[in-house]
Amino acid sequence: MNARRAILVLALVCLVILPARPARAQDPTPDPFPRRVTDHTGATVVIPQRPQQVAVVGQVPPLQTLLAPREIVTLDADMPAASPAWDEIGLLVVPEASAALHADRVAAARAAAIPVFQTGPVTSLEDWTAALAGLGRATGRDDRAAAALARLDRRLDAVAGLVRERAPVRALVLTPEGYTFGQDTLISDLIARAGAINVAAQAGFDDYRQIDDVTIYELAPDVILLTPAWSAEEADDFANSRAYDGVPAHISGRVVRLPFSPTLVPDPAAAVVALALVFHPAALLFP
């Protein structure tokens, strides 16, 4: 391995080891406040000033790229709607799917004259980057969003260059309940970027579907990815179960517990590197 490629590989591995941190602000926000932005629902949201703190209902991973932990106020389900210090919060971010469930939060924020920005489902890497760009404008962190997107592109290109000549690996993702992720899911997109094929998506399965052992045999994955919901003991029992002796992933011992959630991914580049290290370890470690 030459020195340049060795440095690249080391940098890629570090993406998996080091936690993602918000990009530093570079230049002043290009557009002044107040500003008008459009959220996922098509609603126009007027934001009077750059929020110093952003409240969020549920989990919106792209926010972690834009804001430091101290700038995010997570509203827990058990927290009374009136309890947040709304005078210190400049924006409420809520996934569209959670807005009705947390209507009291939305109403409390609007009653306190706090703008509410709704985000959409993230079913692809394109969705993730669009959410990041939209949240960048809503929070006034346009420069951080632009820097993070440029960095993401560079890292994905680096992984693509290392796995391009490798034969695609056949992968299957499983939850402890036997569900898998098929078409139109973020994890399928990330798997493809890492030089593999999601066999559930290839078979035409929907986004989230329960499968049985017969189907696992029919799909014949080279690698089985267990979600973090599996305990270490459960993952070990699955990897050593005689019930899957004829499955290629079981024969080769390539049953791996994912280090990130398939649906809530704070750092897609690190996720792709982690997957590529599973699918093509020789390409990344010994290019």
Protein backbone atom coordinates (compact mmCIF):
# COMPACT_ATOMS: atom_id res chain seq x y z
CA MET A 1 0.00 0.00 0.00
CA ASN A 2 1.47 3.37 -0.93
CA ALA A 3 1.59 6.22 1.56
CA ARG A 4 -1.25 8.19 -0.01
CA ARG A 5 -3.67 5.27 0.02
CA ALA A 6 -2.59 4.33 3.55
CA ILE A 7 -3.48 7.84 4.75
CA LEU A 8 -6.85 7.62 2.97
CA VAL A 9 -7.65 4.27 4.56
CA LEU A 10 -6.67 5.55 8.00
CA ALA A 11 -8.90 8.58 7.51
CA LEU A 12 -11.81 6.37 6.49
CA VAL A 13 -11.39 4.11 9.49
CA CYS A 14 -11.33 7.18 11.75
CA LEU A 15 -14.78 8.10 10.45
CA VAL A 16 -16.11 4.98 12.17
CA ILE A 17 -14.18 5.48 15.39
CA LEU A 18 -14.65 9.20 15.96
CA PRO A 19 -18.10 10.65 16.78
CA ALA A 20 -19.63 13.13 14.37
CA ARG A 21 -19.39 16.76 15.47
CA PRO A 22 -21.14 19.84 14.13
CA ALA A 23 -19.16 21.72 11.51
CA ARG A 24 -17.74 25.02 12.69
CA ALA A 25 -19.44 28.15 11.46
CA GLN A 26 -17.32 29.72 8.72
CA ASP A 27 -18.96 32.86 7.33
CA PRO A 28 -21.93 34.93 8.51
CA THR A 29 -25.32 33.58 7.41
CA PRO A 30 -25.81 34.79 3.81
CA ASP A 31 -29.48 35.79 4.24
CA PRO A 32 -30.51 38.00 7.13
CA PHE A 33 -33.22 37.28 9.62
CA PRO A 34 -36.14 37.34 9.76
CA ARG A 35 -36.31 34.78 6.98
CA ARG A 36 -39.03 32.74 5.36
CA VAL A 37 -38.40 29.03 4.82
CA THR A 38 -40.55 26.19 3.47
CA ASP A 39 -40.80 22.99 5.49
CA HIS A 40 -41.56 19.44 4.32
CA THR A 41 -45.33 20.02 4.39
CA GLY A 42 -45.01 23.02 2.06
CA ALA A 43 -45.84 25.45 4.84
CA THR A 44 -44.05 28.79 4.92
CA VAL A 45 -42.36 29.28 8.28
CA VAL A 46 -41.24 32.75 9.32
CA ILE A 47 -38.23 32.66 11.64
CA PRO A 48 -37.65 36.05 13.27
CA GLN A 49 -34.04 35.55 14.34
CA ARG A 50 -31.24 32.98 14.26
CA PRO A 51 -32.20 30.41 16.94
CA GLN A 52 -29.69 30.01 19.73
CA GLN A 53 -31.52 26.92 20.96
CA VAL A 54 -33.68 24.53 18.93
CA ALA A 55 -36.29 22.27 20.50
CA VAL A 56 -36.97 18.92 18.85
CA VAL A 57 -39.68 16.32 19.31
CA GLY A 58 -38.45 12.80 18.60
CA GLN A 59 -35.21 12.23 16.76
CA VAL A 60 -33.97 14.28 13.79
CA PRO A 61 -30.39 13.03 13.17
CA PRO A 62 -29.32 15.78 10.70
CA LEU A 63 -29.69 18.31 13.51
CA GLN A 64 -26.72 16.69 15.26
CA THR A 65 -24.55 17.68 12.29
CA LEU A 66 -25.60 21.33 12.54
CA LEU A 67 -25.89 21.97 16.27
CA ALA A 68 -23.86 21.29 19.38
CA PRO A 69 -25.65 19.26 22.09
CA ARG A 70 -26.11 22.38 24.22
CA GLU A 71 -28.03 24.00 21.34
CA ILE A 72 -30.62 21.19 21.15
CA VAL A 73 -33.47 20.83 23.63
CA THR A 74 -35.06 17.40 23.31
CA LEU A 75 -38.68 17.35 24.47
CA ASP A 76 -39.24 13.99 26.15
CA ALA A 77 -42.61 12.28 25.88
CA ASP A 78 -43.21 12.56 29.63
CA MET A 79 -42.35 16.28 29.79
CA PRO A 80 -45.45 18.52 30.16
CA ALA A 81 -46.09 20.59 27.05
CA ALA A 82 -45.87 23.83 29.01
CA SER A 83 -42.60 22.95 30.76
CA PRO A 84 -39.91 24.08 28.26
CA ALA A 85 -38.50 27.56 28.72
CA TRP A 86 -39.97 28.73 25.42
CA ASP A 87 -38.44 32.19 25.80
CA GLU A 88 -35.01 30.59 25.35
CA ILE A 89 -36.02 28.54 22.29
CA GLY A 90 -36.02 30.00 18.80
CA LEU A 91 -37.42 27.08 16.79
CA LEU A 92 -39.33 23.81 17.25
CA VAL A 93 -38.43 20.99 14.85
CA VAL A 94 -40.85 18.08 14.64
CA PRO A 95 -41.09 15.19 12.15
CA GLU A 96 -44.34 15.43 10.18
CA ALA A 97 -45.25 11.88 11.28
CA SER A 98 -45.01 12.97 14.94
CA ALA A 99 -46.81 16.32 14.66
CA ALA A 100 -50.31 14.93 15.29
CA LEU A 101 -49.09 12.71 18.11
CA HIS A 102 -47.46 15.72 19.78
CA ALA A 103 -50.10 18.28 18.87
CA ASP A 104 -49.90 19.73 22.39
CA ARG A 105 -46.21 20.55 21.88
CA VAL A 106 -46.89 22.19 18.55
CA ALA A 107 -49.75 24.20 20.03
CA ALA A 108 -47.67 25.26 23.05
CA ALA A 109 -44.83 26.42 20.81
CA ARG A 110 -47.13 28.41 18.55
CA ALA A 111 -48.84 29.94 21.57
CA ALA A 112 -45.39 31.15 22.66
CA ALA A 113 -44.78 32.56 19.14
CA ILE A 114 -42.13 29.90 18.42
CA PRO A 115 -41.93 28.93 14.73
CA VAL A 116 -42.55 25.24 14.00
CA PHE A 117 -40.58 23.50 11.23
CA GLN A 118 -41.76 20.03 10.17
CA THR A 119 -39.39 17.51 8.59
CA GLY A 120 -40.25 14.56 6.34
CA PRO A 121 -39.34 10.87 6.31
CA VAL A 122 -35.74 9.99 5.42
CA THR A 123 -35.89 7.02 3.04
CA SER A 124 -32.74 7.70 1.04
CA LEU A 125 -29.43 9.52 1.21
CA GLU A 126 -30.98 12.22 -0.98
CA ASP A 127 -33.70 12.70 1.65
CA TRP A 128 -31.04 12.97 4.37
CA THR A 129 -29.06 15.63 2.51
CA ALA A 130 -32.24 17.57 1.64
CA ALA A 131 -33.24 17.51 5.31
CA LEU A 132 -29.80 18.78 6.31
CA ALA A 133 -29.95 21.64 3.79
CA GLY A 134 -33.48 22.61 4.87
CA LEU A 135 -32.60 22.54 8.54
CA GLY A 136 -29.48 24.57 7.79
CA ARG A 137 -31.64 27.38 6.45
CA ALA A 138 -34.21 27.06 9.23
CA THR A 139 -31.60 27.21 11.98
CA GLY A 140 -29.39 29.81 10.31
CA ARG A 141 -26.53 27.32 10.02
CA ASP A 142 -26.36 27.47 6.21
CA ASP A 143 -22.57 27.48 6.27
CA ARG A 144 -22.42 24.42 8.51
CA ALA A 145 -24.85 22.57 6.26
CA ALA A 146 -22.86 23.44 3.13
CA ALA A 147 -19.59 22.37 4.75
CA ALA A 148 -21.11 19.09 5.99
CA LEU A 149 -22.59 18.28 2.57
CA ALA A 150 -19.29 18.97 0.82
CA ARG A 151 -17.47 16.79 3.34
CA LEU A 152 -20.04 14.01 2.89
CA ASP A 153 -19.55 14.07 -0.89
CA ARG A 154 -15.77 13.84 -0.56
CA ARG A 155 -15.95 10.90 1.84
CA LEU A 156 -18.51 9.00 -0.22
CA ASP A 157 -16.36 9.51 -3.32
CA ALA A 158 -13.36 8.13 -1.43
CA VAL A 159 -15.25 4.98 -0.45
CA ALA A 160 -16.58 4.57 -3.99
CA GLY A 161 -13.04 4.71 -5.35
CA LEU A 162 -11.93 1.89 -3.05
CA VAL A 163 -14.84 -0.51 -3.69
CA ARG A 164 -15.54 0.26 -7.35
CA GLU A 165 -13.68 -2.75 -8.75
CA ARG A 166 -15.05 -5.19 -6.16
CA ALA A 167 -17.88 -7.62 -6.86
CA PRO A 168 -21.05 -6.52 -5.01
CA VAL A 169 -21.74 -8.34 -1.76
CA ARG A 170 -25.28 -9.57 -1.03
CA ALA A 171 -26.47 -8.19 2.30
CA LEU A 172 -29.55 -8.63 4.49
CA VAL A 173 -30.56 -6.51 7.50
CA LEU A 174 -32.51 -8.11 10.35
CA THR A 175 -34.17 -6.90 13.55
CA PRO A 176 -34.59 -9.22 16.56
CA GLU A 177 -38.25 -9.66 15.56
CA GLY A 178 -37.28 -10.90 12.11
CA TYR A 179 -38.09 -7.74 10.18
CA THR A 180 -35.93 -6.56 7.31
CA PHE A 181 -35.57 -3.32 5.35
CA GLY A 182 -36.39 -3.41 1.64
CA GLN A 183 -37.03 -0.85 -1.05
CA ASP A 184 -37.04 2.90 -0.43
CA THR A 185 -35.08 2.79 2.82
CA LEU A 186 -32.03 4.76 3.87
CA ILE A 187 -30.12 1.60 4.80
CA SER A 188 -30.58 0.21 1.26
CA ASP A 189 -29.04 3.38 -0.13
CA LEU A 190 -26.11 3.23 2.29
CA ILE A 191 -25.53 -0.46 1.52
CA ALA A 192 -25.33 0.35 -2.19
CA ARG A 193 -22.85 3.19 -1.53
CA ALA A 194 -20.68 0.69 0.36
CA GLY A 195 -20.45 -1.67 -2.60
CA ALA A 196 -23.20 -4.16 -1.79
CA ILE A 197 -26.77 -5.10 -2.68
CA ASN A 198 -29.65 -5.24 -0.23
CA VAL A 199 -31.16 -8.60 -1.20
CA ALA A 200 -34.51 -7.71 0.38
CA ALA A 201 -34.80 -4.64 -1.82
CA GLN A 202 -33.59 -6.61 -4.84
CA ALA A 203 -36.34 -9.16 -4.20
CA GLY A 204 -38.92 -6.36 -4.31
CA PHE A 205 -39.76 -6.37 -0.61
CA ASP A 206 -41.44 -3.31 0.86
CA ASP A 207 -39.68 -0.88 3.13
CA TYR A 208 -40.27 -2.89 6.32
CA ARG A 209 -41.32 -6.54 6.24
CA GLN A 210 -41.16 -9.55 8.52
CA ILE A 211 -39.52 -12.60 6.99
CA ASP A 212 -39.06 -16.22 8.10
CA ASP A 213 -36.13 -18.62 8.02
CA VAL A 214 -37.19 -20.05 4.66
CA THR A 215 -36.97 -16.59 3.12
CA ILE A 216 -33.53 -16.04 4.63
CA TYR A 217 -32.38 -19.23 2.88
CA GLU A 218 -33.97 -18.14 -0.39
CA LEU A 219 -32.33 -14.70 -0.26
CA ALA A 220 -28.95 -16.35 0.45
CA PRO A 221 -27.13 -13.26 1.78
CA ASP A 222 -23.33 -13.19 1.92
CA VAL A 223 -23.56 -10.90 4.97
CA ILE A 224 -26.28 -10.55 7.58
CA LEU A 225 -26.42 -7.19 9.38
CA LEU A 226 -28.11 -7.25 12.77
CA THR A 227 -29.57 -3.97 14.00
CA PRO A 228 -28.38 -2.46 17.32
CA ALA A 229 -31.65 -3.64 18.90
CA TRP A 230 -30.04 -7.09 19.14
CA SER A 231 -28.24 -7.58 22.44
CA ALA A 232 -24.69 -8.92 22.22
CA GLU A 233 -25.92 -12.26 23.60
CA GLU A 234 -28.79 -12.47 21.10
CA ALA A 235 -26.48 -11.61 18.21
CA ASP A 236 -24.02 -14.30 19.32
CA ASP A 237 -26.81 -16.89 19.59
CA PHE A 238 -28.05 -16.02 16.10
CA ALA A 239 -24.56 -16.18 14.61
CA ASN A 240 -24.03 -19.64 16.12
CA SER A 241 -27.49 -21.07 15.45
CA ARG A 242 -27.48 -24.33 13.49
CA ALA A 243 -30.75 -23.24 11.89
CA TYR A 244 -28.80 -21.19 9.33
CA ASP A 245 -26.00 -23.61 8.50
CA GLY A 246 -26.77 -23.44 4.76
CA VAL A 247 -26.87 -19.64 4.50
CA PRO A 248 -23.68 -18.19 2.92
CA ALA A 249 -23.35 -15.51 5.63
CA HIS A 250 -23.49 -18.19 8.31
CA ILE A 251 -21.04 -20.47 6.50
CA SER A 252 -18.46 -17.68 6.21
CA GLY A 253 -19.14 -16.27 9.67
CA ARG A 254 -20.21 -12.89 8.31
CA VAL A 255 -22.97 -12.04 10.75
CA VAL A 256 -22.32 -8.52 12.04
CA ARG A 257 -24.12 -6.28 14.54
CA LEU A 258 -24.45 -2.77 13.11
CA PRO A 259 -22.86 0.10 15.07
CA PHE A 260 -25.67 2.46 14.02
CA SER A 261 -29.44 2.48 13.59
CA PRO A 262 -30.61 1.69 10.03
CA THR A 263 -33.19 4.48 10.20
CA LEU A 264 -31.64 7.12 12.47
CA VAL A 265 -28.22 7.85 10.99
CA PRO A 266 -26.44 10.95 12.34
CA ASP A 267 -23.42 10.52 10.04
CA PRO A 268 -24.07 8.76 6.70
CA ALA A 269 -20.39 8.89 5.69
CA ALA A 270 -19.31 7.01 8.82
CA ALA A 271 -22.14 4.54 8.27
CA VAL A 272 -20.99 3.85 4.70
CA VAL A 273 -17.39 3.36 5.87
CA ALA A 274 -18.55 0.94 8.58
CA LEU A 275 -20.53 -1.03 6.00
CA ALA A 276 -17.67 -1.02 3.47
CA LEU A 277 -15.32 -2.39 6.13
CA VAL A 278 -17.75 -5.29 6.58
CA PHE A 279 -18.36 -5.90 2.89
CA HIS A 280 -14.88 -5.24 1.48
CA PRO A 281 -12.32 -5.24 4.31
CA ALA A 282 -9.44 -6.05 1.97
CA ALA A 283 -10.26 -3.06 -0.25
CA LEU A 284 -10.20 -0.62 2.66
CA LEU A 285 -7.50 -2.10 4.84
CA PHE A 286 -5.19 -3.52 2.16
CA PRO A 287 -5.94 -1.60 -1.05
